[in-house]
Protein backbone atom coordinates (compact mmCIF):
# COMPACT_ATOMS: atom_id res chain seq x y z
CA UNK A 1 0.00 0.00 0.00
CA UNK A 2 2.95 2.38 0.56
CA UNK A 3 3.52 2.50 -3.21
CA UNK A 4 0.18 4.27 -3.69
CA UNK A 5 1.78 7.43 -2.29
CA UNK A 6 4.38 7.17 -5.07
CA UNK A 7 1.73 6.94 -7.76
CA UNK A 8 2.40 3.24 -8.41
CA UNK A 9 -0.46 0.85 -8.98
CA UNK A 10 -1.10 -2.19 -6.81
CA UNK A 11 0.48 -5.27 -8.41
CA UNK A 12 -0.59 -7.87 -5.88
CA UNK A 13 0.99 -9.51 -2.88
CA UNK A 14 4.50 -10.81 -3.35
CA UNK A 15 5.66 -14.19 -2.02
CA UNK A 16 7.63 -14.33 1.21
CA UNK A 17 11.35 -13.95 0.62
CA UNK A 18 10.95 -11.91 -2.57
CA UNK A 19 12.35 -8.68 -1.09
CA UNK A 20 15.68 -7.57 -2.52
CA UNK A 21 18.81 -8.15 -0.48
CA UNK A 22 19.19 -4.44 0.26
CA UNK A 23 15.62 -4.21 1.58
CA UNK A 24 16.26 -7.21 3.84
CA UNK A 25 19.44 -5.53 5.09
CA UNK A 26 17.59 -2.24 5.65
CA UNK A 27 14.86 -4.04 7.60
CA UNK A 28 17.46 -5.88 9.65
CA UNK A 29 19.08 -2.55 10.58
CA UNK A 30 15.73 -1.42 11.96
CA UNK A 31 15.24 -4.67 13.89
CA UNK A 32 18.76 -4.54 15.38
CA UNK A 33 18.55 -0.78 15.92
CA UNK A 34 21.91 -0.37 14.18
CA UNK A 35 22.83 0.60 10.62
CA UNK A 36 26.48 -0.35 11.13
CA UNK A 37 26.34 -3.71 9.33
CA UNK A 38 24.28 -2.19 6.52
CA UNK A 39 26.65 0.74 5.97
CA UNK A 40 29.75 -1.46 6.17
CA UNK A 41 28.42 -3.92 3.59
CA UNK A 42 27.09 -1.18 1.32
CA UNK A 43 30.36 0.75 1.53
CA UNK A 44 32.40 -2.37 0.79
CA UNK A 45 30.24 -3.17 -2.24
CA UNK A 46 30.41 0.41 -3.53
CA UNK A 47 34.19 0.44 -3.10
CA UNK A 48 34.56 -2.88 -4.92
CA UNK A 49 32.44 -1.77 -7.90
CA UNK A 50 34.21 1.59 -8.20
CA UNK A 51 37.62 -0.08 -8.04
CA UNK A 52 36.57 -2.65 -10.66
CA UNK A 53 35.37 0.06 -13.06
CA UNK A 54 38.40 2.27 -12.36
CA UNK A 55 40.84 -0.61 -12.95
CA UNK A 56 39.15 -1.42 -16.27
CA UNK A 57 39.45 2.22 -17.36
CA UNK A 58 43.13 2.29 -16.43
CA UNK A 59 43.76 -0.99 -18.26
CA UNK A 60 42.05 0.34 -21.41
CA UNK A 61 43.83 3.70 -21.02
CA UNK A 62 47.18 1.97 -21.44
CA UNK A 63 46.22 0.60 -24.87
CA UNK A 64 43.70 3.15 -26.17
CA UNK A 65 46.07 4.50 -28.82
CA UNK A 66 46.93 1.07 -30.26
CA UNK A 67 43.91 0.90 -32.57
CA UNK A 68 40.48 2.34 -33.24
CA UNK A 69 38.91 -0.69 -31.53
CA UNK A 70 41.10 -0.19 -28.45
CA UNK A 71 40.16 3.49 -28.39
CA UNK A 72 36.48 2.58 -28.51
CA UNK A 73 36.92 0.07 -25.69
CA UNK A 74 38.54 2.79 -23.59
CA UNK A 75 35.71 5.22 -24.27
CA UNK A 76 33.10 2.54 -23.45
CA UNK A 77 34.74 1.71 -20.13
CA UNK A 78 35.30 5.39 -19.31
CA UNK A 79 31.65 6.25 -20.01
CA UNK A 80 30.44 3.31 -17.89
CA UNK A 81 32.77 4.35 -15.05
CA UNK A 82 31.75 8.01 -15.05
CA UNK A 83 28.03 7.30 -15.50
CA UNK A 84 28.13 4.94 -12.53
CA UNK A 85 29.78 7.59 -10.37
CA UNK A 86 27.34 10.25 -11.58
CA UNK A 87 24.40 7.98 -10.70
CA UNK A 88 25.75 7.30 -7.21
CA UNK A 89 26.44 11.00 -6.68
CA UNK A 90 22.96 11.90 -7.88
CA UNK A 91 21.35 9.48 -5.46
CA UNK A 92 23.45 10.78 -2.58
CA UNK A 93 22.93 14.48 -3.27
CA UNK A 94 19.32 14.46 -4.48
CA UNK A 95 17.87 12.05 -1.92
CA UNK A 96 16.34 10.04 -4.78
CA UNK A 97 13.78 7.59 -3.53
CA UNK A 98 12.00 4.58 -4.92
CA UNK A 99 11.33 4.62 -8.67
CA UNK A 100 13.15 7.92 -9.13
CA UNK A 101 10.97 9.89 -6.75
CA UNK A 102 12.90 12.29 -4.62
CA UNK A 103 12.14 13.59 -1.19
CA UNK A 104 9.49 12.39 1.21
CA UNK A 105 6.42 10.50 0.07
CA UNK A 106 3.26 12.45 0.74
C-alpha cells in the first residue's frame, strides 16, 4: 500500500522472501537498531564496484592509442565508469527515492 503514495499501482501480494537483499538488510538494521552492518556492507560493495570500473578504465587507457577498436573500448569503459559515479552521486545528493521519486512521500 505504501507504493500508492508514489503513484504506483497495486500489483498484488509478493511471495515471502521476494524482497531484494538491500531491503532485507535495511529491515534488519531497523530490527537490530543499528545501521552499522548495513553501511559497512554497502560501503564495501560500492568500493569494490568503483575499483573494478576504475581498474578497467586504467587498463584500457594503457592501450587506447593502439587501434580504433582499443580506443572505442577505452571510451566505453570510461563512459560506464563516469556514468556509474554520476548515478551514485545523484542518489546521494538528491535524496532520490524509490522509482526515481525524490524527497518524502506524501
